[in-house]
């Protein structure tokens, strides 16, 4: 691996996985606490991390949560967070394929 790029990529992807798990847990807690401002704040954080690694689906759902969490009904917010779970699962699968392939 000339220049250590593979190790750098793995470190970046590991950092994303860790941040995504933390941000998702905070987003879910904020949902249950009725705190859309915290949902939007953590969605903003996760959106940036997703953009860094090219996780477009995660980035798009986070952008919607960031912009609209305050005006979403609880059921709609919960549905978007469920979509975020799906997008994160897909991103995790892509990360695993990239790092083990």
Protein backbone atom coordinates (compact mmCIF):
# COMPACT_ATOMS: atom_id res chain seq x y z
CA UNK A 1 0.00 0.00 0.00
CA UNK A 2 2.03 2.96 -1.23
CA UNK A 3 1.63 5.93 1.07
CA UNK A 4 -0.53 4.04 3.59
CA UNK A 5 -3.80 4.96 1.87
CA UNK A 6 -5.51 1.71 2.79
CA UNK A 7 -4.86 2.27 6.49
CA UNK A 8 -6.09 5.85 6.22
CA UNK A 9 -9.28 4.71 4.48
CA UNK A 10 -9.94 2.09 7.15
CA UNK A 11 -9.40 4.68 9.90
CA UNK A 12 -11.81 7.10 8.19
CA UNK A 13 -14.46 4.41 7.77
CA UNK A 14 -14.02 3.22 11.37
CA UNK A 15 -14.46 6.80 12.57
CA UNK A 16 -17.63 7.11 10.49
CA UNK A 17 -19.05 3.89 11.95
CA UNK A 18 -18.37 5.10 15.49
CA UNK A 19 -19.81 8.55 14.87
CA UNK A 20 -22.85 7.16 13.08
CA UNK A 21 -23.66 4.85 16.00
CA UNK A 22 -23.29 7.68 18.51
CA UNK A 23 -25.26 10.20 16.43
CA UNK A 24 -28.05 7.72 15.70
CA UNK A 25 -28.41 6.88 19.40
CA UNK A 26 -28.62 10.60 20.22
CA UNK A 27 -31.14 11.20 17.41
CA UNK A 28 -33.34 8.38 18.72
CA UNK A 29 -33.09 9.66 22.30
CA UNK A 30 -34.00 13.15 21.14
CA UNK A 31 -36.99 11.77 19.23
CA UNK A 32 -38.27 10.01 22.35
CA UNK A 33 -37.64 13.13 24.45
CA UNK A 34 -39.57 15.30 21.99
CA UNK A 35 -36.48 17.38 21.22
CA UNK A 36 -36.43 18.12 17.46
CA UNK A 37 -33.64 20.70 17.87
CA UNK A 38 -31.28 17.95 19.07
CA UNK A 39 -32.42 15.71 16.21
CA UNK A 40 -31.51 18.48 13.76
CA UNK A 41 -28.16 19.17 15.44
CA UNK A 42 -27.02 15.53 15.36
CA UNK A 43 -28.40 15.07 11.86
CA UNK A 44 -26.18 17.98 10.78
CA UNK A 45 -23.15 16.30 12.33
CA UNK A 46 -23.91 12.94 10.72
CA UNK A 47 -24.64 14.60 7.37
CA UNK A 48 -21.10 15.98 7.27
CA UNK A 49 -19.54 12.65 8.16
CA UNK A 50 -21.66 10.89 5.53
CA UNK A 51 -20.60 13.42 2.90
CA UNK A 52 -16.95 12.80 3.80
CA UNK A 53 -17.21 9.13 2.86
CA UNK A 54 -19.73 9.40 0.01
CA UNK A 55 -22.71 7.91 1.86
CA UNK A 56 -25.21 9.86 -0.24
CA UNK A 57 -28.39 8.23 1.09
CA UNK A 58 -27.39 8.93 4.70
CA UNK A 59 -26.46 12.50 3.78
CA UNK A 60 -29.83 13.12 2.08
CA UNK A 61 -31.93 11.80 4.97
CA UNK A 62 -29.82 13.79 7.44
CA UNK A 63 -30.23 16.95 5.37
CA UNK A 64 -34.00 16.50 5.50
CA UNK A 65 -33.93 15.87 9.25
CA UNK A 66 -31.72 18.88 9.82
CA UNK A 67 -33.93 21.21 7.80
CA UNK A 68 -37.34 19.89 8.82
CA UNK A 69 -37.18 18.15 12.21
CA UNK A 70 -38.72 21.10 14.03
CA UNK A 71 -41.83 21.11 11.85
CA UNK A 72 -42.30 17.35 11.40
CA UNK A 73 -45.01 15.45 13.21
CA UNK A 74 -43.60 12.81 15.56
CA UNK A 75 -44.75 9.95 13.31
CA UNK A 76 -43.12 11.53 10.25
CA UNK A 77 -39.93 12.17 12.19
CA UNK A 78 -39.89 8.56 13.40
CA UNK A 79 -40.39 7.33 9.82
CA UNK A 80 -37.47 9.44 8.57
CA UNK A 81 -35.29 8.12 11.38
CA UNK A 82 -36.28 4.59 10.33
CA UNK A 83 -35.14 5.51 6.79
CA UNK A 84 -31.89 6.74 8.31
CA UNK A 85 -31.42 3.29 9.89
CA UNK A 86 -31.89 1.69 6.47
CA UNK A 87 -29.45 4.07 4.79
CA UNK A 88 -26.88 3.53 7.54
CA UNK A 89 -27.23 -0.25 7.21
CA UNK A 90 -26.58 0.07 3.46
CA UNK A 91 -23.58 2.31 4.09
CA UNK A 92 -22.22 -0.16 6.67
CA UNK A 93 -22.55 -2.98 4.15
CA UNK A 94 -20.69 -0.94 1.55
CA UNK A 95 -17.97 -0.10 4.08
CA UNK A 96 -17.54 -3.77 5.00
CA UNK A 97 -17.34 -4.73 1.33
CA UNK A 98 -14.77 -2.01 0.67
CA UNK A 99 -12.56 -2.90 3.60
CA UNK A 100 -12.70 -6.68 3.31
CA UNK A 101 -12.76 -6.98 -0.47
